[in-house]
Amino acid sequence: DAAAQRLFYFMQQAGRLEKNAGVDVHGKPNRRFYLEKLDTS
């Protein structure tokens, strides 16, 4: 639960940065965040 809350906190931060950057003339975000999942085999 703590791990999920920590990731949610980071995603909230990234989401706000993405939103505050606004969009271009075509309506696409000026700044877009991505997430990467790594899993050990």
PDB file of all heavy atoms in Angstrom:
ATOM      1  N   ASP A   1       0.830  -1.207   0.000  1.00  0.00           N
ATOM      2  CA  ASP A   1       0.000   0.000   0.000  1.00  0.00           C
ATOM      3  C   ASP A   1       0.867   1.260   0.000  1.00  0.00           C
ATOM      4  O   ASP A   1       0.576   2.223  -0.715  1.00  0.00           O
ATOM      5  CB  ASP A   1      -0.931   0.007   1.221  1.00  0.00           C
ATOM      6  CG  ASP A   1      -1.986  -1.078   1.155  1.00  0.00           C
ATOM      7  OD1 ASP A   1      -2.373  -1.468   0.029  1.00  0.00           O
ATOM      8  OD2 ASP A   1      -2.422  -1.552   2.216  1.00  0.00           O
ATOM      9  N   ALA A   2       1.926   1.240   0.795  1.00  0.00           N
ATOM     10  CA  ALA A   2       2.840   2.389   0.833  1.00  0.00           C
ATOM     11  C   ALA A   2       3.530   2.584  -0.516  1.00  0.00           C
ATOM     12  O   ALA A   2       3.721   3.723  -0.976  1.00  0.00           O
ATOM     13  CB  ALA A   2       3.885   2.195   1.936  1.00  0.00           C
ATOM     14  N   ALA A   3       3.899   1.478  -1.161  1.00  0.00           N
ATOM     15  CA  ALA A   3       4.536   1.576  -2.480  1.00  0.00           C
ATOM     16  C   ALA A   3       3.578   2.188  -3.496  1.00  0.00           C
ATOM     17  O   ALA A   3       3.966   3.041  -4.305  1.00  0.00           O
ATOM     18  CB  ALA A   3       4.978   0.193  -2.942  1.00  0.00           C
ATOM     19  N   ALA A   4       2.312   1.750  -3.471  1.00  0.00           N
ATOM     20  CA  ALA A   4       1.320   2.281  -4.400  1.00  0.00           C
ATOM     21  C   ALA A   4       1.082   3.768  -4.163  1.00  0.00           C
ATOM     22  O   ALA A   4       0.966   4.554  -5.117  1.00  0.00           O
ATOM     23  CB  ALA A   4       0.015   1.501  -4.260  1.00  0.00           C
ATOM     24  N   GLN A   5       1.032   4.179  -2.897  1.00  0.00           N
ATOM     25  CA  GLN A   5       0.817   5.592  -2.580  1.00  0.00           C
ATOM     26  C   GLN A   5       2.001   6.448  -3.025  1.00  0.00           C
ATOM     27  O   GLN A   5       1.836   7.578  -3.472  1.00  0.00           O
ATOM     28  CB  GLN A   5       0.577   5.755  -1.074  1.00  0.00           C
ATOM     29  CG  GLN A   5      -0.768   5.234  -0.605  1.00  0.00           C
ATOM     30  CD  GLN A   5      -1.928   5.942  -1.284  1.00  0.00           C
ATOM     31  OE1 GLN A   5      -1.985   7.173  -1.355  1.00  0.00           O
ATOM     32  NE2 GLN A   5      -2.869   5.159  -1.800  1.00  0.00           N
ATOM     33  N   ARG A   6       3.206   5.907  -2.893  1.00  0.00           N
ATOM     34  CA  ARG A   6       4.387   6.650  -3.325  1.00  0.00           C
ATOM     35  C   ARG A   6       4.381   6.854  -4.840  1.00  0.00           C
ATOM     36  O   ARG A   6       4.668   7.944  -5.347  1.00  0.00           O
ATOM     37  CB  ARG A   6       5.655   5.902  -2.903  1.00  0.00           C
ATOM     38  CG  ARG A   6       6.955   6.615  -3.235  1.00  0.00           C
ATOM     39  CD  ARG A   6       7.078   7.937  -2.507  1.00  0.00           C
ATOM     40  NE  ARG A   6       8.438   8.464  -2.601  1.00  0.00           N
ATOM     41  CZ  ARG A   6       8.794   9.682  -2.176  1.00  0.00           C
ATOM     42  NH1 ARG A   6       7.890  10.484  -1.635  1.00  0.00           N
ATOM     43  NH2 ARG A   6      10.044  10.098  -2.279  1.00  0.00           N
ATOM     44  N   LEU A   7       4.050   5.795  -5.579  1.00  0.00           N
ATOM     45  CA  LEU A   7       3.985   5.914  -7.028  1.00  0.00           C
ATOM     46  C   LEU A   7       2.877   6.882  -7.434  1.00  0.00           C
ATOM     47  O   LEU A   7       3.062   7.693  -8.350  1.00  0.00           O
ATOM     48  CB  LEU A   7       3.747   4.544  -7.672  1.00  0.00           C
ATOM     49  CG  LEU A   7       3.625   4.546  -9.198  1.00  0.00           C
ATOM     50  CD1 LEU A   7       4.869   5.140  -9.852  1.00  0.00           C
ATOM     51  CD2 LEU A   7       3.369   3.138  -9.721  1.00  0.00           C
ATOM     52  N   PHE A   8       1.740   6.821  -6.760  1.00  0.00           N
ATOM     53  CA  PHE A   8       0.640   7.742  -7.049  1.00  0.00           C
ATOM     54  C   PHE A   8       1.084   9.194  -6.830  1.00  0.00           C
ATOM     55  O   PHE A   8       0.771  10.090  -7.627  1.00  0.00           O
ATOM     56  CB  PHE A   8      -0.561   7.414  -6.166  1.00  0.00           C
ATOM     57  CG  PHE A   8      -1.751   8.300  -6.378  1.00  0.00           C
ATOM     58  CD1 PHE A   8      -2.213   8.581  -7.652  1.00  0.00           C
ATOM     59  CD2 PHE A   8      -2.424   8.854  -5.296  1.00  0.00           C
ATOM     60  CE1 PHE A   8      -3.323   9.393  -7.868  1.00  0.00           C
ATOM     61  CE2 PHE A   8      -3.531   9.663  -5.486  1.00  0.00           C
ATOM     62  CZ  PHE A   8      -3.981   9.946  -6.775  1.00  0.00           C
ATOM     63  N   TYR A   9       1.848   9.435  -5.754  1.00  0.00           N
ATOM     64  CA  TYR A   9       2.360  10.773  -5.470  1.00  0.00           C
ATOM     65  C   TYR A   9       3.256  11.261  -6.609  1.00  0.00           C
ATOM     66  O   TYR A   9       3.130  12.406  -7.070  1.00  0.00           O
ATOM     67  CB  TYR A   9       3.128  10.751  -4.151  1.00  0.00           C
ATOM     68  CG  TYR A   9       3.889  12.011  -3.836  1.00  0.00           C
ATOM     69  CD1 TYR A   9       3.215  13.173  -3.463  1.00  0.00           C
ATOM     70  CD2 TYR A   9       5.282  12.043  -3.911  1.00  0.00           C
ATOM     71  CE1 TYR A   9       3.916  14.341  -3.176  1.00  0.00           C
ATOM     72  CE2 TYR A   9       5.989  13.197  -3.623  1.00  0.00           C
ATOM     73  CZ  TYR A   9       5.298  14.340  -3.254  1.00  0.00           C
ATOM     74  OH  TYR A   9       5.995  15.495  -2.973  1.00  0.00           O
ATOM     75  N   PHE A  10       4.155  10.395  -7.081  1.00  0.00           N
ATOM     76  CA  PHE A  10       5.030  10.767  -8.194  1.00  0.00           C
ATOM     77  C   PHE A  10       4.224  11.032  -9.462  1.00  0.00           C
ATOM     78  O   PHE A  10       4.505  11.980 -10.209  1.00  0.00           O
ATOM     79  CB  PHE A  10       6.041   9.652  -8.458  1.00  0.00           C
ATOM     80  CG  PHE A  10       7.212   9.637  -7.516  1.00  0.00           C
ATOM     81  CD1 PHE A  10       7.962   8.480  -7.341  1.00  0.00           C
ATOM     82  CD2 PHE A  10       7.578  10.771  -6.809  1.00  0.00           C
ATOM     83  CE1 PHE A  10       9.055   8.457  -6.488  1.00  0.00           C
ATOM     84  CE2 PHE A  10       8.670  10.761  -5.938  1.00  0.00           C
ATOM     85  CZ  PHE A  10       9.407   9.607  -5.788  1.00  0.00           C
ATOM     86  N   MET A  11       3.226  10.187  -9.732  1.00  0.00           N
ATOM     87  CA  MET A  11       2.413  10.357 -10.938  1.00  0.00           C
ATOM     88  C   MET A  11       1.567  11.623 -10.862  1.00  0.00           C
ATOM     89  O   MET A  11       1.331  12.278 -11.886  1.00  0.00           O
ATOM     90  CB  MET A  11       1.551   9.113 -11.161  1.00  0.00           C
ATOM     91  CG  MET A  11       2.368   7.877 -11.540  1.00  0.00           C
ATOM     92  SD  MET A  11       1.394   6.366 -11.738  1.00  0.00           S
ATOM     93  CE  MET A  11       0.424   6.745 -13.206  1.00  0.00           C
ATOM     94  N   GLN A  12       1.113  11.971  -9.669  1.00  0.00           N
ATOM     95  CA  GLN A  12       0.403  13.240  -9.500  1.00  0.00           C
ATOM     96  C   GLN A  12       1.312  14.422  -9.840  1.00  0.00           C
ATOM     97  O   GLN A  12       0.902  15.364 -10.532  1.00  0.00           O
ATOM     98  CB  GLN A  12      -0.097  13.383  -8.058  1.00  0.00           C
ATOM     99  CG  GLN A  12      -1.343  12.580  -7.722  1.00  0.00           C
ATOM    100  CD  GLN A  12      -1.758  12.796  -6.282  1.00  0.00           C
ATOM    101  OE1 GLN A  12      -0.952  12.661  -5.359  1.00  0.00           O
ATOM    102  NE2 GLN A  12      -3.012  13.131  -6.071  1.00  0.00           N
ATOM    103  N   GLN A  13       2.550  14.384  -9.329  1.00  0.00           N
ATOM    104  CA  GLN A  13       3.511  15.452  -9.615  1.00  0.00           C
ATOM    105  C   GLN A  13       3.760  15.577 -11.119  1.00  0.00           C
ATOM    106  O   GLN A  13       3.719  16.680 -11.686  1.00  0.00           O
ATOM    107  CB  GLN A  13       4.833  15.172  -8.900  1.00  0.00           C
ATOM    108  CG  GLN A  13       4.815  15.433  -7.415  1.00  0.00           C
ATOM    109  CD  GLN A  13       6.213  15.359  -6.818  1.00  0.00           C
ATOM    110  OE1 GLN A  13       7.098  14.681  -7.341  1.00  0.00           O
ATOM    111  NE2 GLN A  13       6.432  16.077  -5.729  1.00  0.00           N
ATOM    112  N   ALA A  14       4.023  14.431 -11.760  1.00  0.00           N
ATOM    113  CA  ALA A  14       4.294  14.440 -13.198  1.00  0.00           C
ATOM    114  C   ALA A  14       3.071  14.907 -13.978  1.00  0.00           C
ATOM    115  O   ALA A  14       3.193  15.647 -14.962  1.00  0.00           O
ATOM    116  CB  ALA A  14       4.706  13.038 -13.653  1.00  0.00           C
ATOM    117  N   GLY A  15       1.888  14.490 -13.534  1.00  0.00           N
ATOM    118  CA  GLY A  15       0.660  14.900 -14.198  1.00  0.00           C
ATOM    119  C   GLY A  15       0.440  16.406 -14.128  1.00  0.00           C
ATOM    120  O   GLY A  15      -0.007  17.028 -15.106  1.00  0.00           O
ATOM    121  N   ARG A  16       0.769  17.005 -12.979  1.00  0.00           N
ATOM    122  CA  ARG A  16       0.615  18.457 -12.835  1.00  0.00           C
ATOM    123  C   ARG A  16       1.605  19.202 -13.732  1.00  0.00           C
ATOM    124  O   ARG A  16       1.258  20.218 -14.354  1.00  0.00           O
ATOM    125  CB  ARG A  16       0.809  18.862 -11.372  1.00  0.00           C
ATOM    126  CG  ARG A  16      -0.409  18.586 -10.496  1.00  0.00           C
ATOM    127  CD  ARG A  16      -0.304  19.299  -9.163  1.00  0.00           C
ATOM    128  NE  ARG A  16       0.764  18.741  -8.336  1.00  0.00           N
ATOM    129  CZ  ARG A  16       0.594  17.791  -7.441  1.00  0.00           C
ATOM    130  NH1 ARG A  16      -0.618  17.268  -7.258  1.00  0.00           N
ATOM    131  NH2 ARG A  16       1.597  17.354  -6.713  1.00  0.00           N
ATOM    132  N   LEU A  17       2.839  18.692 -13.787  1.00  0.00           N
ATOM    133  CA  LEU A  17       3.836  19.323 -14.666  1.00  0.00           C
ATOM    134  C   LEU A  17       3.396  19.253 -16.125  1.00  0.00           C
ATOM    135  O   LEU A  17       3.564  20.211 -16.890  1.00  0.00           O
ATOM    136  CB  LEU A  17       5.195  18.630 -14.499  1.00  0.00           C
ATOM    137  CG  LEU A  17       5.908  18.841 -13.157  1.00  0.00           C
ATOM    138  CD1 LEU A  17       7.139  17.944 -13.068  1.00  0.00           C
ATOM    139  CD2 LEU A  17       6.308  20.307 -12.987  1.00  0.00           C
ATOM    140  N   GLU A  18       2.830  18.127 -16.501  1.00  0.00           N
ATOM    141  CA  GLU A  18       2.339  17.944 -17.860  1.00  0.00           C
ATOM    142  C   GLU A  18       1.195  18.910 -18.153  1.00  0.00           C
ATOM    143  O   GLU A  18       1.156  19.551 -19.221  1.00  0.00           O
ATOM    144  CB  GLU A  18       1.875  16.492 -18.021  1.00  0.00           C
ATOM    145  CG  GLU A  18       1.624  16.055 -19.442  1.00  0.00           C
ATOM    146  CD  GLU A  18       1.297  14.568 -19.519  1.00  0.00           C
ATOM    147  OE1 GLU A  18       0.126  14.203 -19.278  1.00  0.00           O
ATOM    148  OE2 GLU A  18       2.198  13.778 -19.805  1.00  0.00           O
ATOM    149  N   LYS A  19       0.291  19.049 -17.203  1.00  0.00           N
ATOM    150  CA  LYS A  19      -0.872  19.933 -17.386  1.00  0.00           C
ATOM    151  C   LYS A  19      -0.455  21.399 -17.426  1.00  0.00           C
ATOM    152  O   LYS A  19      -0.947  22.189 -18.249  1.00  0.00           O
ATOM    153  CB  LYS A  19      -1.869  19.701 -16.257  1.00  0.00           C
ATOM    154  CG  LYS A  19      -3.150  20.499 -16.386  1.00  0.00           C
ATOM    155  CD  LYS A  19      -4.117  20.166 -15.252  1.00  0.00           C
ATOM    156  CE  LYS A  19      -5.402  20.973 -15.380  1.00  0.00           C
ATOM    157  NZ  LYS A  19      -6.348  20.663 -14.275  1.00  0.00           N
ATOM    158  N   ASN A  20       0.480  21.787 -16.538  1.00  0.00           N
ATOM    159  CA  ASN A  20       0.909  23.188 -16.470  1.00  0.00           C
ATOM    160  C   ASN A  20       1.660  23.633 -17.718  1.00  0.00           C
ATOM    161  O   ASN A  20       1.747  24.836 -18.010  1.00  0.00           O
ATOM    162  CB  ASN A  20       1.792  23.409 -15.242  1.00  0.00           C
ATOM    163  CG  ASN A  20       1.013  23.272 -13.943  1.00  0.00           C
ATOM    164  OD1 ASN A  20      -0.212  23.370 -13.933  1.00  0.00           O
ATOM    165  ND2 ASN A  20       1.717  23.018 -12.840  1.00  0.00           N
ATOM    166  N   ALA A  21       2.226  22.678 -18.459  1.00  0.00           N
ATOM    167  CA  ALA A  21       2.957  23.016 -19.681  1.00  0.00           C
ATOM    168  C   ALA A  21       2.026  23.406 -20.818  1.00  0.00           C
ATOM    169  O   ALA A  21       2.468  23.982 -21.831  1.00  0.00           O
ATOM    170  CB  ALA A  21       3.853  21.855 -20.105  1.00  0.00           C
ATOM    171  N   GLY A  22       0.742  23.102 -20.675  1.00  0.00           N
ATOM    172  CA  GLY A  22      -0.236  23.478 -21.681  1.00  0.00           C
ATOM    173  C   GLY A  22      -0.169  22.623 -22.946  1.00  0.00           C
ATOM    174  O   GLY A  22       0.489  21.580 -22.985  1.00  0.00           O
ATOM    175  N   VAL A  23      -0.853  23.082 -24.000  1.00  0.00           N
ATOM    176  CA  VAL A  23      -0.902  22.350 -25.264  1.00  0.00           C
ATOM    177  C   VAL A  23      -0.488  23.262 -26.410  1.00  0.00           C
ATOM    178  O   VAL A  23      -0.509  24.485 -26.292  1.00  0.00           O
ATOM    179  CB  VAL A  23      -2.318  21.797 -25.520  1.00  0.00           C
ATOM    180  CG1 VAL A  23      -2.713  20.783 -24.455  1.00  0.00           C
ATOM    181  CG2 VAL A  23      -3.339  22.935 -25.581  1.00  0.00           C
ATOM    182  N   ASP A  24      -0.122  22.633 -27.542  1.00  0.00           N
ATOM    183  CA  ASP A  24       0.261  23.423 -28.700  1.00  0.00           C
ATOM    184  C   ASP A  24      -0.978  23.777 -29.531  1.00  0.00           C
ATOM    185  O   ASP A  24      -2.113  23.499 -29.118  1.00  0.00           O
ATOM    186  CB  ASP A  24       1.304  22.674 -29.541  1.00  0.00           C
ATOM    187  CG  ASP A  24       0.781  21.337 -30.066  1.00  0.00           C
ATOM    188  OD1 ASP A  24      -0.468  21.140 -30.093  1.00  0.00           O
ATOM    189  OD2 ASP A  24       1.605  20.492 -30.472  1.00  0.00           O
ATOM    190  N   VAL A  25      -0.768  24.348 -30.690  1.00  0.00           N
ATOM    191  CA  VAL A  25      -1.881  24.800 -31.528  1.00  0.00           C
ATOM    192  C   VAL A  25      -2.738  23.642 -32.022  1.00  0.00           C
ATOM    193  O   VAL A  25      -3.891  23.820 -32.422  1.00  0.00           O
ATOM    194  CB  VAL A  25      -1.353  25.610 -32.745  1.00  0.00           C
ATOM    195  CG1 VAL A  25      -0.731  26.910 -32.266  1.00  0.00           C
ATOM    196  CG2 VAL A  25      -0.351  24.790 -33.554  1.00  0.00           C
ATOM    197  N   HIS A  26      -2.183  22.441 -32.003  1.00  0.00           N
ATOM    198  CA  HIS A  26      -2.925  21.260 -32.439  1.00  0.00           C
ATOM    199  C   HIS A  26      -3.597  20.526 -31.272  1.00  0.00           C
ATOM    200  O   HIS A  26      -4.191  19.467 -31.463  1.00  0.00           O
ATOM    201  CB  HIS A  26      -1.984  20.291 -33.165  1.00  0.00           C
ATOM    202  CG  HIS A  26      -1.298  20.900 -34.359  1.00  0.00           C
ATOM    203  ND1 HIS A  26      -1.966  21.248 -35.508  1.00  0.00           N
ATOM    204  CD2 HIS A  26       0.012  21.246 -34.554  1.00  0.00           C
ATOM    205  CE1 HIS A  26      -1.117  21.760 -36.374  1.00  0.00           C
ATOM    206  NE2 HIS A  26       0.093  21.777 -35.820  1.00  0.00           N
ATOM    207  N   GLY A  27      -3.474  21.097 -30.075  1.00  0.00           N
ATOM    208  CA  GLY A  27      -4.109  20.494 -28.908  1.00  0.00           C
ATOM    209  C   GLY A  27      -3.301  19.381 -28.270  1.00  0.00           C
ATOM    210  O   GLY A  27      -3.786  18.702 -27.367  1.00  0.00           O
ATOM    211  N   LYS A  28      -2.055  19.215 -28.710  1.00  0.00           N
ATOM    212  CA  LYS A  28      -1.205  18.181 -28.126  1.00  0.00           C
ATOM    213  C   LYS A  28      -0.393  18.773 -26.983  1.00  0.00           C
ATOM    214  O   LYS A  28       0.017  19.933 -27.028  1.00  0.00           O
ATOM    215  CB  LYS A  28      -0.255  17.614 -29.187  1.00  0.00           C
ATOM    216  CG  LYS A  28      -0.974  16.862 -30.302  1.00  0.00           C
ATOM    217  CD  LYS A  28       0.027  16.275 -31.298  1.00  0.00           C
ATOM    218  CE  LYS A  28      -0.694  15.503 -32.398  1.00  0.00           C
ATOM    219  NZ  LYS A  28       0.273  14.924 -33.369  1.00  0.00           N
ATOM    220  N   PRO A  29      -0.143  17.973 -25.931  1.00  0.00           N
ATOM    221  CA  PRO A  29       0.609  18.484 -24.772  1.00  0.00           C
ATOM    222  C   PRO A  29       2.008  18.963 -25.174  1.00  0.00           C
ATOM    223  O   PRO A  29       2.690  18.321 -25.978  1.00  0.00           O
ATOM    224  CB  PRO A  29       0.711  17.272 -23.841  1.00  0.00           C
ATOM    225  CG  PRO A  29      -0.399  16.361 -24.266  1.00  0.00           C
ATOM    226  CD  PRO A  29      -0.561  16.572 -25.744  1.00  0.00           C
ATOM    227  N   ASN A  30       2.408  20.117 -24.629  1.00  0.00           N
ATOM    228  CA  ASN A  30       3.761  20.607 -24.861  1.00  0.00           C
ATOM    229  C   ASN A  30       4.801  19.763 -24.135  1.00  0.00           C
ATOM    230  O   ASN A  30       5.971  19.724 -24.526  1.00  0.00           O
ATOM    231  CB  ASN A  30       3.871  22.064 -24.397  1.00  0.00           C
ATOM    232  CG  ASN A  30       3.111  23.003 -25.309  1.00  0.00           C
ATOM    233  OD1 ASN A  30       3.125  22.846 -26.541  1.00  0.00           O
ATOM    234  ND2 ASN A  30       2.425  23.986 -24.731  1.00  0.00           N
ATOM    235  N   ARG A  31       4.372  19.129 -23.068  1.00  0.00           N
ATOM    236  CA  ARG A  31       5.266  18.267 -22.302  1.00  0.00           C
ATOM    237  C   ARG A  31       4.506  16.986 -21.951  1.00  0.00           C
ATOM    238  O   ARG A  31       3.428  17.060 -21.358  1.00  0.00           O
ATOM    239  CB  ARG A  31       5.730  18.965 -21.029  1.00  0.00           C
ATOM    240  CG  ARG A  31       6.824  18.227 -20.267  1.00  0.00           C
ATOM    241  CD  ARG A  31       7.216  18.998 -19.012  1.00  0.00           C
ATOM    242  NE  ARG A  31       8.367  18.391 -18.337  1.00  0.00           N
ATOM    243  CZ  ARG A  31       8.843  18.791 -17.152  1.00  0.00           C
ATOM    244  NH1 ARG A  31       8.255  19.812 -16.527  1.00  0.00           N
ATOM    245  NH2 ARG A  31       9.880  18.182 -16.609  1.00  0.00           N
ATOM    246  N   ARG A  32       5.037  15.870 -22.314  1.00  0.00           N
ATOM    247  CA  ARG A  32       4.356  14.597 -22.049  1.00  0.00           C
ATOM    248  C   ARG A  32       5.270  13.679 -21.240  1.00  0.00           C
ATOM    249  O   ARG A  32       6.432  13.487 -21.580  1.00  0.00           O
ATOM    250  CB  ARG A  32       3.957  13.920 -23.355  1.00  0.00           C
ATOM    251  CG  ARG A  32       3.406  12.512 -23.184  1.00  0.00           C
ATOM    252  CD  ARG A  32       2.803  11.991 -24.452  1.00  0.00           C
ATOM    253  NE  ARG A  32       1.535  12.645 -24.747  1.00  0.00           N
ATOM    254  CZ  ARG A  32       0.782  12.357 -25.809  1.00  0.00           C
ATOM    255  NH1 ARG A  32       1.195  11.450 -26.682  1.00  0.00           N
ATOM    256  NH2 ARG A  32      -0.347  12.976 -26.006  1.00  0.00           N
ATOM    257  N   PHE A  33       4.707  13.120 -20.171  1.00  0.00           N
ATOM    258  CA  PHE A  33       5.457  12.178 -19.341  1.00  0.00           C
ATOM    259  C   PHE A  33       5.125  10.746 -19.732  1.00  0.00           C
ATOM    260  O   PHE A  33       4.019  10.444 -20.191  1.00  0.00           O
ATOM    261  CB  PHE A  33       5.120  12.386 -17.854  1.00  0.00           C
ATOM    262  CG  PHE A  33       5.974  13.421 -17.186  1.00  0.00           C
ATOM    263  CD1 PHE A  33       5.671  14.772 -17.318  1.00  0.00           C
ATOM    264  CD2 PHE A  33       7.084  13.049 -16.440  1.00  0.00           C
ATOM    265  CE1 PHE A  33       6.456  15.738 -16.704  1.00  0.00           C
ATOM    266  CE2 PHE A  33       7.874  14.007 -15.833  1.00  0.00           C
ATOM    267  CZ  PHE A  33       7.564  15.347 -15.956  1.00  0.00           C
ATOM    268  N   TYR A  34       6.114   9.891 -19.521  1.00  0.00           N
ATOM    269  CA  TYR A  34       5.962   8.458 -19.792  1.00  0.00           C
ATOM    270  C   TYR A  34       6.362   7.682 -18.538  1.00  0.00           C
ATOM    271  O   TYR A  34       7.113   8.180 -17.692  1.00  0.00           O
ATOM    272  CB  TYR A  34       6.858   8.030 -20.957  1.00  0.00           C
ATOM    273  CG  TYR A  34       6.566   8.743 -22.248  1.00  0.00           C
ATOM    274  CD1 TYR A  34       7.198   9.953 -22.547  1.00  0.00           C
ATOM    275  CD2 TYR A  34       5.656   8.223 -23.166  1.00  0.00           C
ATOM    276  CE1 TYR A  34       6.932  10.624 -23.730  1.00  0.00           C
ATOM    277  CE2 TYR A  34       5.387   8.882 -24.350  1.00  0.00           C
ATOM    278  CZ  TYR A  34       6.022  10.087 -24.630  1.00  0.00           C
ATOM    279  OH  TYR A  34       5.749  10.754 -25.804  1.00  0.00           O
ATOM    280  N   LEU A  35       5.839   6.483 -18.449  1.00  0.00           N
ATOM    281  CA  LEU A  35       6.256   5.606 -17.355  1.00  0.00           C
ATOM    282  C   LEU A  35       6.855   4.334 -17.937  1.00  0.00           C
ATOM    283  O   LEU A  35       6.462   3.871 -19.011  1.00  0.00           O
ATOM    284  CB  LEU A  35       5.094   5.291 -16.415  1.00  0.00           C
ATOM    285  CG  LEU A  35       3.787   4.709 -16.940  1.00  0.00           C
ATOM    286  CD1 LEU A  35       3.880   3.205 -17.137  1.00  0.00           C
ATOM    287  CD2 LEU A  35       2.655   5.033 -15.989  1.00  0.00           C
ATOM    288  N   GLU A  36       7.823   3.803 -17.219  1.00  0.00           N
ATOM    289  CA  GLU A  36       8.495   2.578 -17.630  1.00  0.00           C
ATOM    290  C   GLU A  36       8.389   1.543 -16.524  1.00  0.00           C
ATOM    291  O   GLU A  36       8.653   1.843 -15.359  1.00  0.00           O
ATOM    292  CB  GLU A  36       9.969   2.860 -17.943  1.00  0.00           C
ATOM    293  CG  GLU A  36      10.736   1.620 -18.387  1.00  0.00           C
ATOM    294  CD  GLU A  36      12.124   1.963 -18.899  1.00  0.00           C
ATOM    295  OE1 GLU A  36      12.790   2.833 -18.290  1.00  0.00           O
ATOM    296  OE2 GLU A  36      12.541   1.378 -19.919  1.00  0.00           O
ATOM    297  N   LYS A  37       7.989   0.346 -16.898  1.00  0.00           N
ATOM    298  CA  LYS A  37       7.897  -0.771 -15.948  1.00  0.00           C
ATOM    299  C   LYS A  37       9.018  -1.756 -16.261  1.00  0.00           C
ATOM    300  O   LYS A  37       9.186  -2.175 -17.412  1.00  0.00           O
ATOM    301  CB  LYS A  37       6.540  -1.464 -16.097  1.00  0.00           C
ATOM    302  CG  LYS A  37       6.363  -2.735 -15.269  1.00  0.00           C
ATOM    303  CD  LYS A  37       6.110  -2.413 -13.823  1.00  0.00           C
ATOM    304  CE  LYS A  37       5.796  -3.678 -13.024  1.00  0.00           C
ATOM    305  NZ  LYS A  37       4.523  -4.315 -13.436  1.00  0.00           N
ATOM    306  N   LEU A  38       9.786  -2.110 -15.233  1.00  0.00           N
ATOM    307  CA  LEU A  38      10.858  -3.100 -15.369  1.00  0.00           C
ATOM    308  C   LEU A  38      10.561  -4.274 -14.447  1.00  0.00           C
ATOM    309  O   LEU A  38      10.277  -4.076 -13.258  1.00  0.00           O
ATOM    310  CB  LEU A  38      12.220  -2.491 -15.015  1.00  0.00           C
ATOM    311  CG  LEU A  38      12.659  -1.269 -15.828  1.00  0.00           C
ATOM    312  CD1 LEU A  38      14.013  -0.772 -15.326  1.00  0.00           C
ATOM    313  CD2 LEU A  38      12.728  -1.603 -17.311  1.00  0.00           C
ATOM    314  N   ASP A  39      10.624  -5.463 -14.979  1.00  0.00           N
ATOM    315  CA  ASP A  39      10.337  -6.675 -14.211  1.00  0.00           C
ATOM    316  C   ASP A  39      11.458  -7.687 -14.441  1.00  0.00           C
ATOM    317  O   ASP A  39      11.840  -7.946 -15.582  1.00  0.00           O
ATOM    318  CB  ASP A  39       8.991  -7.262 -14.637  1.00  0.00           C
ATOM    319  CG  ASP A  39       8.640  -8.541 -13.890  1.00  0.00           C
ATOM    320  OD1 ASP A  39       8.015  -8.422 -12.823  1.00  0.00           O
ATOM    321  OD2 ASP A  39       8.996  -9.630 -14.365  1.00  0.00           O
ATOM    322  N   THR A  40      11.970  -8.253 -13.354  1.00  0.00           N
ATOM    323  CA  THR A  40      13.057  -9.235 -13.461  1.00  0.00           C
ATOM    324  C   THR A  40      12.494 -10.606 -13.800  1.00  0.00           C
ATOM    325  O   THR A  40      11.521 -11.056 -13.193  1.00  0.00           O
ATOM    326  CB  THR A  40      13.852  -9.313 -12.148  1.00  0.00           C
ATOM    327  OG1 THR A  40      14.290  -8.000 -11.793  1.00  0.00           O
ATOM    328  CG2 THR A  40      15.057 -10.230 -12.302  1.00  0.00           C
ATOM    329  N   SER A  41      13.095 -11.266 -14.751  1.00  0.00           N
ATOM    330  CA  SER A  41      12.625 -12.574 -15.198  1.00  0.00           C
ATOM    331  C   SER A  41      12.832 -13.629 -14.114  1.00  0.00           C
ATOM    332  O   SER A  41      13.956 -13.866 -13.674  1.00  0.00           O
ATOM    333  CB  SER A  41      13.376 -12.971 -16.480  1.00  0.00           C
ATOM    334  OG  SER A  41      12.935 -14.209 -16.958  1.00  0.00           O
TER     335      SER A  41
END
